Amino acid sequence: MQSIVEKCPTKDLTILMGDFSAKVGTDNTGYEDIMGRHGLGERNKNGERFANLCAFNKLVTGGTIFPHKRIHKTTWTSPDHTTQNQIDHICINKTFRRTKEDVRTKRGADIASDHHLLVAKMKLKLKKHWTMGRKISQMFNTVFLRDTEKLNKFKIVLSKSSRPFMIYSMEKELLWRATGK
């Protein structure tokens, strides 16, 4: 999984989600910057590996940040309904941590699985990315149009180049009037 996460540019919004079979637990000692204290249960080996992956790649585990009732933290329930775990996770870059407003399970969703639907509520404000060396807008030199002779030449050239569009527009108008549509 590390090789896949490494391919993502660090400045991009990275969301890692799925069934990791990783119980991260409530103890966030050593992982305070990527985990909250609102997990479920005790950390297992997969949870330790997952926490290390998130810490190394600066990914925040969303299900541990927000306080909820136990039933809204549980992502998996055993068939006999005796065991409940939080093993599905939605992680996001630490730089985008504030965009995540809530993470919880929806127990009523009919998804034909022993897992509950895990939902993240996010609010993103994305800005347009301008590449370096690219002009924002093209400036036109209109000073030469002050000369009436050059202005008249420009009008003639413009009318000749727009004539096909005018003919097409007139044909469309006549067709519209003939059919009444």
C-alpha atoms as a PDB file:
ATOM      1  CA  MET A   1       0.000   0.000   0.000  1.00  0.00           C
ATOM      2  CA  GLN A   2       2.959   2.310   0.677  1.00  0.00           C
ATOM      3  CA  SER A   3       4.017   2.118  -2.968  1.00  0.00           C
ATOM      4  CA  ILE A   4       0.558   3.288  -4.066  1.00  0.00           C
ATOM      5  CA  VAL A   5       0.447   6.191  -1.596  1.00  0.00           C
ATOM      6  CA  GLU A   6       3.957   7.280  -2.646  1.00  0.00           C
ATOM      7  CA  LYS A   7       2.750   7.777  -6.226  1.00  0.00           C
ATOM      8  CA  CYS A   8       0.354  10.538  -5.093  1.00  0.00           C
ATOM      9  CA  PRO A   9       1.825  14.064  -5.194  1.00  0.00           C
ATOM     10  CA  THR A  10       2.180  15.432  -1.661  1.00  0.00           C
ATOM     11  CA  LYS A  11       0.320  18.669  -2.425  1.00  0.00           C
ATOM     12  CA  ASP A  12      -2.694  16.842  -3.868  1.00  0.00           C
ATOM     13  CA  LEU A  13      -5.728  15.879  -1.831  1.00  0.00           C
ATOM     14  CA  THR A  14      -5.229  12.203  -0.995  1.00  0.00           C
ATOM     15  CA  ILE A  15      -8.085  10.165   0.423  1.00  0.00           C
ATOM     16  CA  LEU A  16      -7.317   6.610   1.529  1.00  0.00           C
ATOM     17  CA  MET A  17     -10.380   4.565   2.428  1.00  0.00           C
ATOM     18  CA  GLY A  18     -11.471   0.992   2.727  1.00  0.00           C
ATOM     19  CA  ASP A  19     -11.558  -2.157   4.816  1.00  0.00           C
ATOM     20  CA  PHE A  20      -8.061  -2.381   6.282  1.00  0.00           C
ATOM     21  CA  SER A  21      -8.949  -4.910   9.042  1.00  0.00           C
ATOM     22  CA  ALA A  22      -6.988  -2.545  11.278  1.00  0.00           C
ATOM     23  CA  LYS A  23      -8.162  -1.777  14.795  1.00  0.00           C
ATOM     24  CA  VAL A  24      -6.424   1.477  15.773  1.00  0.00           C
ATOM     25  CA  GLY A  25      -8.068   1.740  19.199  1.00  0.00           C
ATOM     26  CA  THR A  26      -8.452   4.695  21.536  1.00  0.00           C
ATOM     27  CA  ASP A  27      -4.824   5.103  22.634  1.00  0.00           C
ATOM     28  CA  ASN A  28      -3.220   7.641  20.323  1.00  0.00           C
ATOM     29  CA  THR A  29       0.076   7.955  22.203  1.00  0.00           C
ATOM     30  CA  GLY A  30       2.771   8.703  19.643  1.00  0.00           C
ATOM     31  CA  TYR A  31       0.167   9.289  16.948  1.00  0.00           C
ATOM     32  CA  GLU A  32      -1.495  12.455  18.286  1.00  0.00           C
ATOM     33  CA  ASP A  33      -1.075  14.360  15.008  1.00  0.00           C
ATOM     34  CA  ILE A  34      -2.804  11.688  12.879  1.00  0.00           C
ATOM     35  CA  MET A  35      -5.321  10.150  15.304  1.00  0.00           C
ATOM     36  CA  GLY A  36      -7.912  11.309  17.773  1.00  0.00           C
ATOM     37  CA  ARG A  37      -8.890   9.642  21.039  1.00  0.00           C
ATOM     38  CA  HIS A  38     -12.333   8.551  19.843  1.00  0.00           C
ATOM     39  CA  GLY A  39     -11.448   5.202  18.308  1.00  0.00           C
ATOM     40  CA  LEU A  40     -12.962   1.895  19.314  1.00  0.00           C
ATOM     41  CA  GLY A  41     -11.349  -0.996  21.198  1.00  0.00           C
ATOM     42  CA  GLU A  42      -7.663  -1.907  21.384  1.00  0.00           C
ATOM     43  CA  ARG A  43      -5.051  -1.660  18.640  1.00  0.00           C
ATOM     44  CA  ASN A  44      -4.065  -4.903  16.868  1.00  0.00           C
ATOM     45  CA  LYS A  45      -1.035  -5.684  14.644  1.00  0.00           C
ATOM     46  CA  ASN A  46      -2.787  -4.475  11.507  1.00  0.00           C
ATOM     47  CA  GLY A  47      -3.782  -1.366  13.444  1.00  0.00           C
ATOM     48  CA  GLU A  48      -0.154  -0.736  14.352  1.00  0.00           C
ATOM     49  CA  ARG A  49       0.935  -1.138  10.724  1.00  0.00           C
ATOM     50  CA  PHE A  50      -1.908   1.086   9.559  1.00  0.00           C
ATOM     51  CA  ALA A  51      -1.067   3.783  12.136  1.00  0.00           C
ATOM     52  CA  ASN A  52       2.580   3.687  11.019  1.00  0.00           C
ATOM     53  CA  LEU A  53       1.519   4.000   7.362  1.00  0.00           C
ATOM     54  CA  CYS A  54      -0.667   6.997   8.205  1.00  0.00           C
ATOM     55  CA  ALA A  55       2.044   8.625  10.332  1.00  0.00           C
ATOM     56  CA  PHE A  56       4.721   8.145   7.661  1.00  0.00           C
ATOM     57  CA  ASN A  57       2.498   9.611   4.923  1.00  0.00           C
ATOM     58  CA  LYS A  58       0.862  12.277   7.146  1.00  0.00           C
ATOM     59  CA  LEU A  59      -2.649  10.867   6.719  1.00  0.00           C
ATOM     60  CA  VAL A  60      -5.260  11.580   9.400  1.00  0.00           C
ATOM     61  CA  THR A  61      -7.603   8.742  10.404  1.00  0.00           C
ATOM     62  CA  GLY A  62     -11.053  10.324  10.359  1.00  0.00           C
ATOM     63  CA  GLY A  63     -12.995   7.798  12.435  1.00  0.00           C
ATOM     64  CA  THR A  64     -10.952   8.542  15.551  1.00  0.00           C
ATOM     65  CA  ILE A  65     -11.315  12.330  15.533  1.00  0.00           C
ATOM     66  CA  PHE A  66     -15.036  12.826  16.046  1.00  0.00           C
ATOM     67  CA  PRO A  67     -16.863  11.769  19.222  1.00  0.00           C
ATOM     68  CA  HIS A  68     -19.848   9.504  18.534  1.00  0.00           C
ATOM     69  CA  LYS A  69     -21.835   6.770  20.238  1.00  0.00           C
ATOM     70  CA  ARG A  70     -20.365   3.283  19.934  1.00  0.00           C
ATOM     71  CA  ILE A  71     -22.979   2.258  17.334  1.00  0.00           C
ATOM     72  CA  HIS A  72     -21.858   5.122  15.092  1.00  0.00           C
ATOM     73  CA  LYS A  73     -18.178   4.104  15.365  1.00  0.00           C
ATOM     74  CA  THR A  74     -18.653   0.384  14.678  1.00  0.00           C
ATOM     75  CA  THR A  75     -17.855  -0.454  11.053  1.00  0.00           C
ATOM     76  CA  TRP A  76     -18.088  -4.260  11.308  1.00  0.00           C
ATOM     77  CA  THR A  77     -20.316  -6.575  13.336  1.00  0.00           C
ATOM     78  CA  SER A  78     -19.775 -10.330  13.589  1.00  0.00           C
ATOM     79  CA  PRO A  79     -22.555 -12.619  12.281  1.00  0.00           C
ATOM     80  CA  ASP A  80     -23.562 -13.559  15.854  1.00  0.00           C
ATOM     81  CA  HIS A  81     -23.649  -9.839  16.820  1.00  0.00           C
ATOM     82  CA  THR A  82     -21.271 -10.351  19.765  1.00  0.00           C
ATOM     83  CA  THR A  83     -18.191  -8.629  18.340  1.00  0.00           C
ATOM     84  CA  GLN A  84     -18.061  -5.096  17.017  1.00  0.00           C
ATOM     85  CA  ASN A  85     -14.959  -3.434  15.588  1.00  0.00           C
ATOM     86  CA  GLN A  86     -13.833  -0.276  13.859  1.00  0.00           C
ATOM     87  CA  ILE A  87     -11.791  -1.738  10.997  1.00  0.00           C
ATOM     88  CA  ASP A  88     -12.867   0.419   8.031  1.00  0.00           C
ATOM     89  CA  HIS A  89     -11.228   3.825   7.776  1.00  0.00           C
ATOM     90  CA  ILE A  90     -11.290   7.043   5.772  1.00  0.00           C
ATOM     91  CA  CYS A  91      -7.982   8.921   5.873  1.00  0.00           C
ATOM     92  CA  ILE A  92      -7.030  12.287   4.398  1.00  0.00           C
ATOM     93  CA  ASN A  93      -3.840  14.365   4.121  1.00  0.00           C
ATOM     94  CA  LYS A  94      -2.971  16.225   7.289  1.00  0.00           C
ATOM     95  CA  THR A  95      -2.980  19.531   5.352  1.00  0.00           C
ATOM     96  CA  PHE A  96      -6.656  18.941   4.441  1.00  0.00           C
ATOM     97  CA  ARG A  97      -7.669  17.805   7.951  1.00  0.00           C
ATOM     98  CA  ARG A  98      -9.988  20.778   8.532  1.00  0.00           C
ATOM     99  CA  THR A  99     -12.037  19.953   5.425  1.00  0.00           C
ATOM    100  CA  LYS A 100     -13.394  16.852   7.135  1.00  0.00           C
ATOM    101  CA  GLU A 101     -16.474  17.784   9.148  1.00  0.00           C
ATOM    102  CA  ASP A 102     -17.591  14.353  10.352  1.00  0.00           C
ATOM    103  CA  VAL A 103     -16.986  10.613   9.932  1.00  0.00           C
ATOM    104  CA  ARG A 104     -19.533   8.059  11.146  1.00  0.00           C
ATOM    105  CA  THR A 105     -21.301   4.877  10.119  1.00  0.00           C
ATOM    106  CA  LYS A 106     -24.799   4.635   8.694  1.00  0.00           C
ATOM    107  CA  ARG A 107     -26.264   1.404  10.044  1.00  0.00           C
ATOM    108  CA  GLY A 108     -29.499   1.395   8.050  1.00  0.00           C
ATOM    109  CA  ALA A 109     -27.879   1.296   4.615  1.00  0.00           C
ATOM    110  CA  ASP A 110     -28.728  -1.881   2.685  1.00  0.00           C
ATOM    111  CA  ILE A 111     -25.331  -2.853   1.289  1.00  0.00           C
ATOM    112  CA  ALA A 112     -25.547  -6.666   1.696  1.00  0.00           C
ATOM    113  CA  SER A 113     -22.467  -6.857   3.892  1.00  0.00           C
ATOM    114  CA  ASP A 114     -21.510  -7.419   7.509  1.00  0.00           C
ATOM    115  CA  HIS A 115     -19.844  -3.996   7.328  1.00  0.00           C
ATOM    116  CA  HIS A 116     -21.717  -0.775   7.968  1.00  0.00           C
ATOM    117  CA  LEU A 117     -21.533   2.104   5.509  1.00  0.00           C
ATOM    118  CA  LEU A 118     -18.829   4.566   6.587  1.00  0.00           C
ATOM    119  CA  VAL A 119     -19.580   8.149   5.568  1.00  0.00           C
ATOM    120  CA  ALA A 120     -17.317  11.206   5.655  1.00  0.00           C
ATOM    121  CA  LYS A 121     -18.790  14.673   5.469  1.00  0.00           C
ATOM    122  CA  MET A 122     -16.328  17.076   3.876  1.00  0.00           C
ATOM    123  CA  LYS A 123     -16.323  20.690   2.814  1.00  0.00           C
ATOM    124  CA  LEU A 124     -13.655  21.526   0.243  1.00  0.00           C
ATOM    125  CA  LYS A 125     -12.638  24.903  -1.089  1.00  0.00           C
ATOM    126  CA  LEU A 126     -10.555  24.240  -4.160  1.00  0.00           C
ATOM    127  CA  LYS A 127      -8.755  27.014  -5.992  1.00  0.00           C
ATOM    128  CA  LYS A 128      -7.792  27.136  -9.642  1.00  0.00           C
ATOM    129  CA  HIS A 129      -4.177  26.165 -10.155  1.00  0.00           C
ATOM    130  CA  TRP A 130      -2.257  28.481 -12.492  1.00  0.00           C
ATOM    131  CA  THR A 131       0.831  27.045 -14.139  1.00  0.00           C
ATOM    132  CA  MET A 132       3.968  29.146 -14.110  1.00  0.00           C
ATOM    133  CA  GLY A 133       4.773  31.061 -17.295  1.00  0.00           C
ATOM    134  CA  ARG A 134       1.182  31.093 -18.473  1.00  0.00           C
ATOM    135  CA  LYS A 135      -0.458  34.455 -19.022  1.00  0.00           C
ATOM    136  CA  ILE A 136      -3.683  35.008 -17.101  1.00  0.00           C
ATOM    137  CA  SER A 137      -5.278  37.042 -19.860  1.00  0.00           C
ATOM    138  CA  GLN A 138      -4.069  38.152 -23.257  1.00  0.00           C
ATOM    139  CA  MET A 139      -3.765  41.902 -23.662  1.00  0.00           C
ATOM    140  CA  PHE A 140      -4.731  43.455 -27.005  1.00  0.00           C
ATOM    141  CA  ASN A 141      -2.940  46.460 -28.479  1.00  0.00           C
ATOM    142  CA  THR A 142      -5.817  48.778 -29.391  1.00  0.00           C
ATOM    143  CA  VAL A 143      -3.738  51.964 -29.754  1.00  0.00           C
ATOM    144  CA  PHE A 144      -3.455  51.606 -33.546  1.00  0.00           C
ATOM    145  CA  LEU A 145      -7.280  51.685 -33.831  1.00  0.00           C
ATOM    146  CA  ARG A 146      -7.197  55.396 -32.983  1.00  0.00           C
ATOM    147  CA  ASP A 147      -5.958  56.022 -36.523  1.00  0.00           C
ATOM    148  CA  THR A 148      -9.155  56.159 -38.664  1.00  0.00           C
ATOM    149  CA  GLU A 149      -7.461  54.678 -41.740  1.00  0.00           C
ATOM    150  CA  LYS A 150      -6.272  51.606 -39.802  1.00  0.00           C
ATOM    151  CA  LEU A 151      -9.648  51.359 -38.081  1.00  0.00           C
ATOM    152  CA  ASN A 152     -11.447  51.194 -41.448  1.00  0.00           C
ATOM    153  CA  LYS A 153      -9.037  48.486 -42.725  1.00  0.00           C
ATOM    154  CA  PHE A 154      -9.678  46.485 -39.557  1.00  0.00           C
ATOM    155  CA  LYS A 155     -13.460  46.753 -40.030  1.00  0.00           C
ATOM    156  CA  ILE A 156     -13.183  45.505 -43.642  1.00  0.00           C
ATOM    157  CA  VAL A 157     -11.035  42.515 -42.654  1.00  0.00           C
ATOM    158  CA  LEU A 158     -13.376  41.707 -39.789  1.00  0.00           C
ATOM    159  CA  SER A 159     -16.496  41.847 -41.958  1.00  0.00           C
ATOM    160  CA  LYS A 160     -14.888  39.567 -44.594  1.00  0.00           C
ATOM    161  CA  SER A 161     -13.881  36.994 -42.000  1.00  0.00           C
ATOM    162  CA  SER A 162     -17.303  36.972 -40.320  1.00  0.00           C
ATOM    163  CA  ARG A 163     -19.321  36.748 -43.568  1.00  0.00           C
ATOM    164  CA  PRO A 164     -19.618  32.885 -43.516  1.00  0.00           C
ATOM    165  CA  PHE A 165     -21.050  33.084 -39.995  1.00  0.00           C
ATOM    166  CA  MET A 166     -23.545  35.725 -41.074  1.00  0.00           C
ATOM    167  CA  ILE A 167     -24.680  33.600 -44.066  1.00  0.00           C
ATOM    168  CA  TYR A 168     -25.088  30.537 -41.835  1.00  0.00           C
ATOM    169  CA  SER A 169     -27.068  32.600 -39.350  1.00  0.00           C
ATOM    170  CA  MET A 170     -29.340  33.983 -42.106  1.00  0.00           C
ATOM    171  CA  GLU A 171     -29.965  30.470 -43.511  1.00  0.00           C
ATOM    172  CA  LYS A 172     -30.913  29.269 -40.056  1.00  0.00           C
ATOM    173  CA  GLU A 173     -33.294  32.220 -39.608  1.00  0.00           C
ATOM    174  CA  LEU A 174     -35.007  31.506 -42.958  1.00  0.00           C
ATOM    175  CA  LEU A 175     -35.322  27.807 -42.143  1.00  0.00           C
ATOM    176  CA  TRP A 176     -36.822  28.635 -38.758  1.00  0.00           C
ATOM    177  CA  ARG A 177     -39.388  30.982 -40.303  1.00  0.00           C
ATOM    178  CA  ALA A 178     -40.300  28.445 -43.020  1.00  0.00           C
ATOM    179  CA  THR A 179     -40.933  25.590 -40.582  1.00  0.00           C
ATOM    180  CA  GLY A 180     -42.425  27.749 -37.856  1.00  0.00           C
ATOM    181  CA  LYS A 181     -40.145  26.247 -35.201  1.00  0.00           C
END
